[in-house]
Amino acid sequence: MNCWKEKWGIDFMKLQSIGAVIGINCILLALIFWVAHLIRKRQPLTASRLRREARKHIQVIEQPPFHGDFCRIYVILSALEGNIPNERLTAGLLAGWAAEEQILICEMEKKRLKSFGDEQQATICFPGDEDHPFQPNASGAEGLLLGLLYGWADETATLQQSELYNFAREYHHAVTGRLEQFGTQGRHGLRAGGAIQPESKKKPIYTMRGVREAGQVLGYQQWLCTQKELPPGKWRDGILFGCQPAGEIPRLAMALAKSMVSGMNAGKHANEKASGR
């Protein structure tokens, strides 16, 4: 009996020692995880972290966030997706302007001596006449881009797909600047609204308010992309969010956007080649 007790007493002491070691290791691991959590929590909310955190705050909504401020939506969506193709940005704007009847988008016969390519081309028509010339009913970044396009229209107040390519190629600096203005204007708006820290000028640092608003952007995207059909008032947002609406005008808007962006990129490439870069 004494031998049995002595034996199990030694074994129990060994078990106690092993348990103590395991307990200390568990405490150390818990401490490491706690410190790591604190460090991660204190890390700045850059775009990469915003993408992770926003998914925890998704709020499905039917109306655009930021009271429909297109530039702010564009900046947040760009941060969430990493990048939004310029074709989607431009096509969304064109379809939106058409829905608001600021411009008309249709398909017309190719202009002789001015256009090239397909016999029938997507065309932007600017309403107005000599007594009442076209005036862009938009301000900020939208007004600048729309004014640039109108400046390229000929005496018929129309701008065809191939013409748009040629102008964008020749004036690629102007097109690039107009498109970048949407990001600049959006960041200013987010900073003023408290979604981006005021001191972050080069690399945006988002706030918890920005995270919650990014969750609304994701929720709005979910709602848009589950709709079987989007009304004209949602064309702009639908195209920007990657939920291409059905219909002739959204299709032509995308064709025009692709021509403009292709021309801009071709102009950049030709300029870099000429400068030996």
C-alpha atoms as a PDB file:
ATOM      1  CA  MET A   1       0.000   0.000   0.000  1.00  0.00           C
ATOM      2  CA  ASN A   2       2.825   2.400   0.947  1.00  0.00           C
ATOM      3  CA  CYS A   3       4.600   1.525  -2.289  1.00  0.00           C
ATOM      4  CA  TRP A   4       1.430   2.217  -4.200  1.00  0.00           C
ATOM      5  CA  LYS A   5       1.002   5.611  -2.500  1.00  0.00           C
ATOM      6  CA  GLU A   6       4.633   6.422  -2.979  1.00  0.00           C
ATOM      7  CA  LYS A   7       4.430   5.563  -6.650  1.00  0.00           C
ATOM      8  CA  TRP A   8       1.268   7.561  -7.320  1.00  0.00           C
ATOM      9  CA  GLY A   9       2.529  10.443  -5.208  1.00  0.00           C
ATOM     10  CA  ILE A  10       5.565  10.783  -7.468  1.00  0.00           C
ATOM     11  CA  ASP A  11       3.393  10.494 -10.564  1.00  0.00           C
ATOM     12  CA  PHE A  12       0.997  13.122  -9.226  1.00  0.00           C
ATOM     13  CA  MET A  13       3.854  15.525  -8.600  1.00  0.00           C
ATOM     14  CA  LYS A  14       5.011  15.018 -12.169  1.00  0.00           C
ATOM     15  CA  LEU A  15       1.512  15.722 -13.408  1.00  0.00           C
ATOM     16  CA  GLN A  16       1.426  18.874 -11.306  1.00  0.00           C
ATOM     17  CA  SER A  17       4.677  20.056 -12.870  1.00  0.00           C
ATOM     18  CA  ILE A  18       3.428  19.349 -16.384  1.00  0.00           C
ATOM     19  CA  GLY A  19       0.144  21.099 -15.630  1.00  0.00           C
ATOM     20  CA  ALA A  20       2.004  24.139 -14.300  1.00  0.00           C
ATOM     21  CA  VAL A  21       4.095  24.339 -17.472  1.00  0.00           C
ATOM     22  CA  ILE A  22       0.994  24.031 -19.656  1.00  0.00           C
ATOM     23  CA  GLY A  23      -0.787  26.663 -17.583  1.00  0.00           C
ATOM     24  CA  ILE A  24       2.103  29.116 -17.888  1.00  0.00           C
ATOM     25  CA  ASN A  25       2.247  28.543 -21.653  1.00  0.00           C
ATOM     26  CA  CYS A  26      -1.505  29.147 -21.963  1.00  0.00           C
ATOM     27  CA  ILE A  27      -1.172  32.396 -20.012  1.00  0.00           C
ATOM     28  CA  LEU A  28       1.728  33.495 -22.228  1.00  0.00           C
ATOM     29  CA  LEU A  29      -0.216  32.647 -25.389  1.00  0.00           C
ATOM     30  CA  ALA A  30      -3.252  34.549 -24.131  1.00  0.00           C
ATOM     31  CA  LEU A  31      -1.012  37.523 -23.328  1.00  0.00           C
ATOM     32  CA  ILE A  32       0.523  37.400 -26.808  1.00  0.00           C
ATOM     33  CA  PHE A  33      -2.930  37.317 -28.451  1.00  0.00           C
ATOM     34  CA  TRP A  34      -4.114  40.176 -26.248  1.00  0.00           C
ATOM     35  CA  VAL A  35      -1.090  42.329 -27.132  1.00  0.00           C
ATOM     36  CA  ALA A  36      -1.510  41.454 -30.840  1.00  0.00           C
ATOM     37  CA  HIS A  37      -5.192  42.437 -30.627  1.00  0.00           C
ATOM     38  CA  LEU A  38      -4.269  45.770 -29.051  1.00  0.00           C
ATOM     39  CA  ILE A  39      -1.630  46.431 -31.712  1.00  0.00           C
ATOM     40  CA  ARG A  40      -4.062  45.514 -34.499  1.00  0.00           C
ATOM     41  CA  LYS A  41      -6.768  47.701 -32.945  1.00  0.00           C
ATOM     42  CA  ARG A  42      -4.388  50.645 -32.718  1.00  0.00           C
ATOM     43  CA  GLN A  43      -3.173  50.279 -36.302  1.00  0.00           C
ATOM     44  CA  PRO A  44      -4.294  53.087 -38.630  1.00  0.00           C
ATOM     45  CA  LEU A  45      -7.425  52.383 -40.655  1.00  0.00           C
ATOM     46  CA  THR A  46      -5.847  52.332 -44.096  1.00  0.00           C
ATOM     47  CA  ALA A  47      -7.751  51.168 -47.176  1.00  0.00           C
ATOM     48  CA  SER A  48      -6.610  47.560 -46.689  1.00  0.00           C
ATOM     49  CA  ARG A  49      -7.896  47.476 -43.122  1.00  0.00           C
ATOM     50  CA  LEU A  50     -11.058  49.312 -44.144  1.00  0.00           C
ATOM     51  CA  ARG A  51     -11.841  46.407 -46.500  1.00  0.00           C
ATOM     52  CA  ARG A  52     -11.715  43.968 -43.577  1.00  0.00           C
ATOM     53  CA  GLU A  53     -13.552  46.085 -41.035  1.00  0.00           C
ATOM     54  CA  ALA A  54     -16.341  47.290 -43.338  1.00  0.00           C
ATOM     55  CA  ARG A  55     -17.597  43.732 -43.874  1.00  0.00           C
ATOM     56  CA  LYS A  56     -18.434  43.586 -40.166  1.00  0.00           C
ATOM     57  CA  HIS A  57     -20.692  46.636 -40.522  1.00  0.00           C
ATOM     58  CA  ILE A  58     -22.666  45.855 -43.689  1.00  0.00           C
ATOM     59  CA  GLN A  59     -26.032  47.565 -43.674  1.00  0.00           C
ATOM     60  CA  VAL A  60     -28.239  46.798 -46.675  1.00  0.00           C
ATOM     61  CA  ILE A  61     -29.943  49.990 -47.884  1.00  0.00           C
ATOM     62  CA  GLU A  62     -31.984  50.933 -50.948  1.00  0.00           C
ATOM     63  CA  GLN A  63     -30.858  54.558 -51.211  1.00  0.00           C
ATOM     64  CA  PRO A  64     -27.297  55.694 -51.929  1.00  0.00           C
ATOM     65  CA  PRO A  65     -25.194  56.661 -48.912  1.00  0.00           C
ATOM     66  CA  PHE A  66     -23.782  60.153 -48.423  1.00  0.00           C
ATOM     67  CA  HIS A  67     -27.130  61.536 -49.659  1.00  0.00           C
ATOM     68  CA  GLY A  68     -26.148  60.430 -53.161  1.00  0.00           C
ATOM     69  CA  ASP A  69     -22.780  62.247 -53.243  1.00  0.00           C
ATOM     70  CA  PHE A  70     -21.260  60.447 -56.239  1.00  0.00           C
ATOM     71  CA  CYS A  71     -17.663  61.467 -55.546  1.00  0.00           C
ATOM     72  CA  ARG A  72     -17.676  60.265 -51.936  1.00  0.00           C
ATOM     73  CA  ILE A  73     -19.303  56.983 -52.944  1.00  0.00           C
ATOM     74  CA  TYR A  74     -16.672  56.578 -55.672  1.00  0.00           C
ATOM     75  CA  VAL A  75     -13.755  57.061 -53.250  1.00  0.00           C
ATOM     76  CA  ILE A  76     -15.103  54.624 -50.640  1.00  0.00           C
ATOM     77  CA  LEU A  77     -15.960  52.027 -53.289  1.00  0.00           C
ATOM     78  CA  SER A  78     -12.478  52.423 -54.812  1.00  0.00           C
ATOM     79  CA  ALA A  79     -10.929  51.785 -51.398  1.00  0.00           C
ATOM     80  CA  LEU A  80     -13.113  48.703 -50.880  1.00  0.00           C
ATOM     81  CA  GLU A  81     -12.448  47.219 -54.327  1.00  0.00           C
ATOM     82  CA  GLY A  82      -8.830  48.306 -54.595  1.00  0.00           C
ATOM     83  CA  ASN A  83      -9.526  50.014 -57.909  1.00  0.00           C
ATOM     84  CA  ILE A  84     -12.505  50.948 -60.067  1.00  0.00           C
ATOM     85  CA  PRO A  85     -11.910  50.887 -63.841  1.00  0.00           C
ATOM     86  CA  ASN A  86     -12.267  54.309 -65.446  1.00  0.00           C
ATOM     87  CA  GLU A  87     -14.722  52.738 -67.888  1.00  0.00           C
ATOM     88  CA  ARG A  88     -17.201  52.102 -65.064  1.00  0.00           C
ATOM     89  CA  LEU A  89     -16.788  55.607 -63.674  1.00  0.00           C
ATOM     90  CA  THR A  90     -17.276  57.248 -67.079  1.00  0.00           C
ATOM     91  CA  ALA A  91     -20.118  55.004 -68.243  1.00  0.00           C
ATOM     92  CA  GLY A  92     -21.957  55.555 -64.980  1.00  0.00           C
ATOM     93  CA  LEU A  93     -21.710  59.316 -65.419  1.00  0.00           C
ATOM     94  CA  LEU A  94     -22.841  59.224 -69.058  1.00  0.00           C
ATOM     95  CA  ALA A  95     -25.837  57.008 -68.272  1.00  0.00           C
ATOM     96  CA  GLY A  96     -26.688  59.185 -65.291  1.00  0.00           C
ATOM     97  CA  TRP A  97     -26.599  62.377 -67.365  1.00  0.00           C
ATOM     98  CA  ALA A  98     -28.793  60.705 -69.963  1.00  0.00           C
ATOM     99  CA  ALA A  99     -31.275  59.662 -67.257  1.00  0.00           C
ATOM    100  CA  GLU A 100     -31.368  63.272 -66.051  1.00  0.00           C
ATOM    101  CA  GLU A 101     -31.831  64.404 -69.693  1.00  0.00           C
ATOM    102  CA  GLN A 102     -28.729  66.567 -69.548  1.00  0.00           C
ATOM    103  CA  ILE A 103     -27.548  64.747 -72.675  1.00  0.00           C
ATOM    104  CA  LEU A 104     -29.015  62.297 -75.153  1.00  0.00           C
ATOM    105  CA  ILE A 105     -27.274  59.026 -76.000  1.00  0.00           C
ATOM    106  CA  CYS A 106     -28.239  57.238 -79.172  1.00  0.00           C
ATOM    107  CA  GLU A 107     -26.806  55.361 -82.136  1.00  0.00           C
ATOM    108  CA  MET A 108     -26.258  57.344 -85.350  1.00  0.00           C
ATOM    109  CA  GLU A 109     -24.727  56.846 -88.755  1.00  0.00           C
ATOM    110  CA  LYS A 110     -21.013  57.473 -88.865  1.00  0.00           C
ATOM    111  CA  LYS A 111     -20.035  61.023 -89.825  1.00  0.00           C
ATOM    112  CA  ARG A 112     -18.263  61.202 -93.158  1.00  0.00           C
ATOM    113  CA  LEU A 113     -14.668  62.499 -93.089  1.00  0.00           C
ATOM    114  CA  LYS A 114     -14.811  62.877 -89.286  1.00  0.00           C
ATOM    115  CA  SER A 115     -15.446  59.437 -87.844  1.00  0.00           C
ATOM    116  CA  PHE A 116     -13.966  56.008 -88.440  1.00  0.00           C
ATOM    117  CA  GLY A 117     -14.972  52.474 -87.580  1.00  0.00           C
ATOM    118  CA  ASP A 118     -18.501  51.089 -87.475  1.00  0.00           C
ATOM    119  CA  GLU A 119     -21.175  52.533 -89.737  1.00  0.00           C
ATOM    120  CA  GLN A 120     -23.484  52.957 -86.730  1.00  0.00           C
ATOM    121  CA  GLN A 121     -21.839  54.572 -83.715  1.00  0.00           C
ATOM    122  CA  ALA A 122     -22.768  55.440 -80.160  1.00  0.00           C
ATOM    123  CA  THR A 123     -23.257  59.204 -80.069  1.00  0.00           C
ATOM    124  CA  ILE A 124     -23.630  61.907 -77.416  1.00  0.00           C
ATOM    125  CA  CYS A 125     -26.109  64.625 -78.388  1.00  0.00           C
ATOM    126  CA  PHE A 126     -26.052  67.906 -76.476  1.00  0.00           C
ATOM    127  CA  PRO A 127     -29.456  69.631 -76.357  1.00  0.00           C
ATOM    128  CA  GLY A 128     -29.716  73.341 -77.126  1.00  0.00           C
ATOM    129  CA  ASP A 129     -29.739  75.814 -80.000  1.00  0.00           C
ATOM    130  CA  GLU A 130     -28.276  79.192 -80.954  1.00  0.00           C
ATOM    131  CA  ASP A 131     -30.635  81.074 -78.659  1.00  0.00           C
ATOM    132  CA  HIS A 132     -30.348  78.589 -75.817  1.00  0.00           C
ATOM    133  CA  PRO A 133     -26.887  76.973 -75.980  1.00  0.00           C
ATOM    134  CA  PHE A 134     -26.077  73.910 -73.939  1.00  0.00           C
ATOM    135  CA  GLN A 135     -25.124  74.592 -70.334  1.00  0.00           C
ATOM    136  CA  PRO A 136     -23.895  71.715 -68.129  1.00  0.00           C
ATOM    137  CA  ASN A 137     -26.335  71.345 -65.250  1.00  0.00           C
ATOM    138  CA  ALA A 138     -23.610  69.977 -63.018  1.00  0.00           C
ATOM    139  CA  SER A 139     -20.903  71.405 -60.810  1.00  0.00           C
ATOM    140  CA  GLY A 140     -17.540  70.298 -59.500  1.00  0.00           C
ATOM    141  CA  ALA A 141     -15.892  67.276 -61.087  1.00  0.00           C
ATOM    142  CA  GLU A 142     -19.021  66.352 -63.080  1.00  0.00           C
ATOM    143  CA  GLY A 143     -19.340  69.828 -64.570  1.00  0.00           C
ATOM    144  CA  LEU A 144     -15.661  69.851 -65.583  1.00  0.00           C
ATOM    145  CA  LEU A 145     -15.891  66.521 -67.415  1.00  0.00           C
ATOM    146  CA  LEU A 146     -19.201  67.301 -69.077  1.00  0.00           C
ATOM    147  CA  GLY A 147     -17.887  70.697 -70.191  1.00  0.00           C
ATOM    148  CA  LEU A 148     -14.804  69.046 -71.688  1.00  0.00           C
ATOM    149  CA  LEU A 149     -16.958  66.650 -73.730  1.00  0.00           C
ATOM    150  CA  TYR A 150     -19.192  69.460 -74.947  1.00  0.00           C
ATOM    151  CA  GLY A 151     -16.117  71.383 -76.046  1.00  0.00           C
ATOM    152  CA  TRP A 152     -15.271  68.506 -78.397  1.00  0.00           C
ATOM    153  CA  ALA A 153     -18.699  68.466 -80.068  1.00  0.00           C
ATOM    154  CA  ASP A 154     -18.896  69.881 -83.621  1.00  0.00           C
ATOM    155  CA  GLU A 155     -21.452  72.254 -85.135  1.00  0.00           C
ATOM    156  CA  THR A 156     -24.108  69.538 -84.920  1.00  0.00           C
ATOM    157  CA  ALA A 157     -23.640  69.428 -81.131  1.00  0.00           C
ATOM    158  CA  THR A 158     -22.851  65.716 -81.314  1.00  0.00           C
ATOM    159  CA  LEU A 159     -19.835  63.635 -80.358  1.00  0.00           C
ATOM    160  CA  GLN A 160     -19.423  60.154 -81.783  1.00  0.00           C
ATOM    161  CA  GLN A 161     -17.573  57.173 -80.407  1.00  0.00           C
ATOM    162  CA  SER A 162     -14.593  57.394 -82.774  1.00  0.00           C
ATOM    163  CA  GLU A 163     -14.360  61.180 -82.355  1.00  0.00           C
ATOM    164  CA  LEU A 164     -14.302  60.689 -78.602  1.00  0.00           C
ATOM    165  CA  TYR A 165     -11.388  58.269 -78.948  1.00  0.00           C
ATOM    166  CA  ASN A 166      -9.385  60.728 -81.070  1.00  0.00           C
ATOM    167  CA  PHE A 167      -9.972  63.695 -78.759  1.00  0.00           C
ATOM    168  CA  ALA A 168      -9.200  61.655 -75.631  1.00  0.00           C
ATOM    169  CA  ARG A 169      -5.976  60.444 -77.260  1.00  0.00           C
ATOM    170  CA  GLU A 170      -4.912  63.956 -78.212  1.00  0.00           C
ATOM    171  CA  TYR A 171      -5.912  65.559 -74.917  1.00  0.00           C
ATOM    172  CA  HIS A 172      -5.140  62.642 -72.615  1.00  0.00           C
ATOM    173  CA  HIS A 173      -3.726  64.961 -69.937  1.00  0.00           C
ATOM    174  CA  ALA A 174      -7.041  66.809 -69.733  1.00  0.00           C
ATOM    175  CA  VAL A 175      -9.052  63.577 -69.535  1.00  0.00           C
ATOM    176  CA  THR A 176      -6.766  62.161 -66.848  1.00  0.00           C
ATOM    177  CA  GLY A 177      -7.083  65.343 -64.818  1.00  0.00           C
ATOM    178  CA  ARG A 178     -10.889  65.375 -65.080  1.00  0.00           C
ATOM    179  CA  LEU A 179     -11.166  61.762 -63.927  1.00  0.00           C
ATOM    180  CA  GLU A 180      -8.723  62.268 -61.053  1.00  0.00           C
ATOM    181  CA  GLN A 181     -10.828  65.214 -59.903  1.00  0.00           C
ATOM    182  CA  PHE A 182     -13.572  62.798 -58.802  1.00  0.00           C
ATOM    183  CA  GLY A 183     -11.179  61.189 -56.338  1.00  0.00           C
ATOM    184  CA  THR A 184      -9.890  64.539 -55.092  1.00  0.00           C
ATOM    185  CA  GLN A 185     -13.380  65.946 -54.583  1.00  0.00           C
ATOM    186  CA  GLY A 186     -14.555  62.742 -52.899  1.00  0.00           C
ATOM    187  CA  ARG A 187     -11.655  62.703 -50.426  1.00  0.00           C
ATOM    188  CA  HIS A 188     -12.282  66.347 -49.530  1.00  0.00           C
ATOM    189  CA  GLY A 189     -15.924  65.518 -48.845  1.00  0.00           C
ATOM    190  CA  LEU A 190     -15.064  62.472 -46.725  1.00  0.00           C
ATOM    191  CA  ARG A 191     -12.506  64.452 -44.741  1.00  0.00           C
ATOM    192  CA  ALA A 192     -15.010  67.250 -44.120  1.00  0.00           C
ATOM    193  CA  GLY A 193     -17.634  64.694 -43.069  1.00  0.00           C
ATOM    194  CA  GLY A 194     -15.337  62.963 -40.572  1.00  0.00           C
ATOM    195  CA  ALA A 195     -14.853  59.708 -42.501  1.00  0.00           C
ATOM    196  CA  ILE A 196     -11.131  60.421 -43.122  1.00  0.00           C
ATOM    197  CA  GLN A 197      -8.781  61.849 -40.521  1.00  0.00           C
ATOM    198  CA  PRO A 198      -8.048  65.549 -41.173  1.00  0.00           C
ATOM    199  CA  GLU A 199      -4.257  65.135 -40.993  1.00  0.00           C
ATOM    200  CA  SER A 200      -4.139  62.353 -43.597  1.00  0.00           C
ATOM    201  CA  LYS A 201      -3.314  64.138 -46.834  1.00  0.00           C
ATOM    202  CA  LYS A 202      -1.396  61.634 -48.965  1.00  0.00           C
ATOM    203  CA  LYS A 203      -2.550  58.220 -47.724  1.00  0.00           C
ATOM    204  CA  PRO A 204      -6.132  58.392 -46.414  1.00  0.00           C
ATOM    205  CA  ILE A 205      -6.587  57.144 -42.847  1.00  0.00           C
ATOM    206  CA  TYR A 206     -10.223  56.297 -42.186  1.00  0.00           C
ATOM    207  CA  THR A 207     -12.175  56.735 -38.959  1.00  0.00           C
ATOM    208  CA  MET A 208     -14.772  54.443 -37.390  1.00  0.00           C
ATOM    209  CA  ARG A 209     -17.388  56.661 -38.990  1.00  0.00           C
ATOM    210  CA  GLY A 210     -15.738  55.909 -42.314  1.00  0.00           C
ATOM    211  CA  VAL A 211     -15.928  52.184 -41.520  1.00  0.00           C
ATOM    212  CA  ARG A 212     -19.665  52.394 -40.798  1.00  0.00           C
ATOM    213  CA  GLU A 213     -20.265  54.387 -43.974  1.00  0.00           C
ATOM    214  CA  ALA A 214     -18.204  51.878 -45.954  1.00  0.00           C
ATOM    215  CA  GLY A 215     -20.522  49.197 -44.562  1.00  0.00           C
ATOM    216  CA  GLN A 216     -23.452  51.150 -45.997  1.00  0.00           C
ATOM    217  CA  VAL A 217     -21.701  51.334 -49.378  1.00  0.00           C
ATOM    218  CA  LEU A 218     -21.296  47.547 -49.365  1.00  0.00           C
ATOM    219  CA  GLY A 219     -24.930  47.127 -48.331  1.00  0.00           C
ATOM    220  CA  TYR A 220     -26.084  49.417 -51.123  1.00  0.00           C
ATOM    221  CA  GLN A 221     -24.015  47.409 -53.592  1.00  0.00           C
ATOM    222  CA  GLN A 222     -25.661  44.202 -52.393  1.00  0.00           C
ATOM    223  CA  TRP A 223     -29.089  45.724 -52.892  1.00  0.00           C
ATOM    224  CA  LEU A 224     -28.270  47.077 -56.378  1.00  0.00           C
ATOM    225  CA  CYS A 225     -26.866  43.794 -57.631  1.00  0.00           C
ATOM    226  CA  THR A 226     -29.880  41.777 -56.481  1.00  0.00           C
ATOM    227  CA  GLN A 227     -32.368  43.871 -58.467  1.00  0.00           C
ATOM    228  CA  LYS A 228     -33.708  42.271 -61.639  1.00  0.00           C
ATOM    229  CA  GLU A 229     -34.057  45.662 -63.312  1.00  0.00           C
ATOM    230  CA  LEU A 230     -32.744  49.096 -62.381  1.00  0.00           C
ATOM    231  CA  PRO A 231     -34.753  52.237 -63.225  1.00  0.00           C
ATOM    232  CA  PRO A 232     -32.982  55.110 -65.042  1.00  0.00           C
ATOM    233  CA  GLY A 233     -32.440  56.913 -61.757  1.00  0.00           C
ATOM    234  CA  LYS A 234     -30.214  54.022 -60.623  1.00  0.00           C
ATOM    235  CA  TRP A 235     -28.202  53.614 -63.855  1.00  0.00           C
ATOM    236  CA  ARG A 236     -25.354  55.792 -62.618  1.00  0.00           C
ATOM    237  CA  ASP A 237     -24.916  53.848 -59.383  1.00  0.00           C
ATOM    238  CA  GLY A 238     -25.566  50.459 -60.954  1.00  0.00           C
ATOM    239  CA  ILE A 239     -22.758  50.851 -63.497  1.00  0.00           C
ATOM    240  CA  LEU A 240     -20.324  52.327 -60.961  1.00  0.00           C
ATOM    241  CA  PHE A 241     -20.951  49.413 -58.578  1.00  0.00           C
ATOM    242  CA  GLY A 242     -20.429  46.850 -61.330  1.00  0.00           C
ATOM    243  CA  CYS A 243     -24.112  45.889 -61.673  1.00  0.00           C
ATOM    244  CA  GLN A 244     -24.487  46.734 -65.379  1.00  0.00           C
ATOM    245  CA  PRO A 245     -28.143  47.650 -66.022  1.00  0.00           C
ATOM    246  CA  ALA A 246     -29.933  46.213 -69.021  1.00  0.00           C
ATOM    247  CA  GLY A 247     -31.041  48.484 -71.832  1.00  0.00           C
ATOM    248  CA  GLU A 248     -29.795  50.403 -74.838  1.00  0.00           C
ATOM    249  CA  ILE A 249     -28.606  53.573 -73.101  1.00  0.00           C
ATOM    250  CA  PRO A 250     -26.409  51.819 -70.486  1.00  0.00           C
ATOM    251  CA  ARG A 251     -24.927  49.684 -73.300  1.00  0.00           C
ATOM    252  CA  LEU A 252     -24.122  52.716 -75.457  1.00  0.00           C
ATOM    253  CA  ALA A 253     -22.775  54.605 -72.425  1.00  0.00           C
ATOM    254  CA  MET A 254     -20.313  51.782 -71.780  1.00  0.00           C
ATOM    255  CA  ALA A 255     -19.259  51.749 -75.452  1.00  0.00           C
ATOM    256  CA  LEU A 256     -18.571  55.494 -75.313  1.00  0.00           C
ATOM    257  CA  ALA A 257     -16.707  55.162 -72.023  1.00  0.00           C
ATOM    258  CA  LYS A 258     -14.485  52.401 -73.390  1.00  0.00           C
ATOM    259  CA  SER A 259     -13.614  54.549 -76.413  1.00  0.00           C
ATOM    260  CA  MET A 260     -12.702  57.527 -74.243  1.00  0.00           C
ATOM    261  CA  VAL A 261     -10.576  55.509 -71.818  1.00  0.00           C
ATOM    262  CA  SER A 262      -8.876  53.619 -74.668  1.00  0.00           C
ATOM    263  CA  GLY A 263      -8.038  56.914 -76.348  1.00  0.00           C
ATOM    264  CA  MET A 264      -6.683  58.357 -73.103  1.00  0.00           C
ATOM    265  CA  ASN A 265      -4.487  55.295 -72.510  1.00  0.00           C
ATOM    266  CA  ALA A 266      -3.267  55.329 -76.123  1.00  0.00           C
ATOM    267  CA  GLY A 267      -2.295  58.978 -75.740  1.00  0.00           C
ATOM    268  CA  LYS A 268      -0.391  58.255 -72.531  1.00  0.00           C
ATOM    269  CA  HIS A 269       1.446  55.363 -74.171  1.00  0.00           C
ATOM    270  CA  ALA A 270       2.380  57.435 -77.219  1.00  0.00           C
ATOM    271  CA  ASN A 271       3.615  60.254 -74.972  1.00  0.00           C
ATOM    272  CA  GLU A 272       5.744  57.877 -72.881  1.00  0.00           C
ATOM    273  CA  LYS A 273       7.177  56.284 -76.022  1.00  0.00           C
ATOM    274  CA  ALA A 274       8.046  59.675 -77.503  1.00  0.00           C
ATOM    275  CA  SER A 275       9.787  60.751 -74.298  1.00  0.00           C
ATOM    276  CA  GLY A 276      11.791  57.500 -74.228  1.00  0.00           C
ATOM    277  CA  ARG A 277      10.304  56.145 -71.004  1.00  0.00           C
END
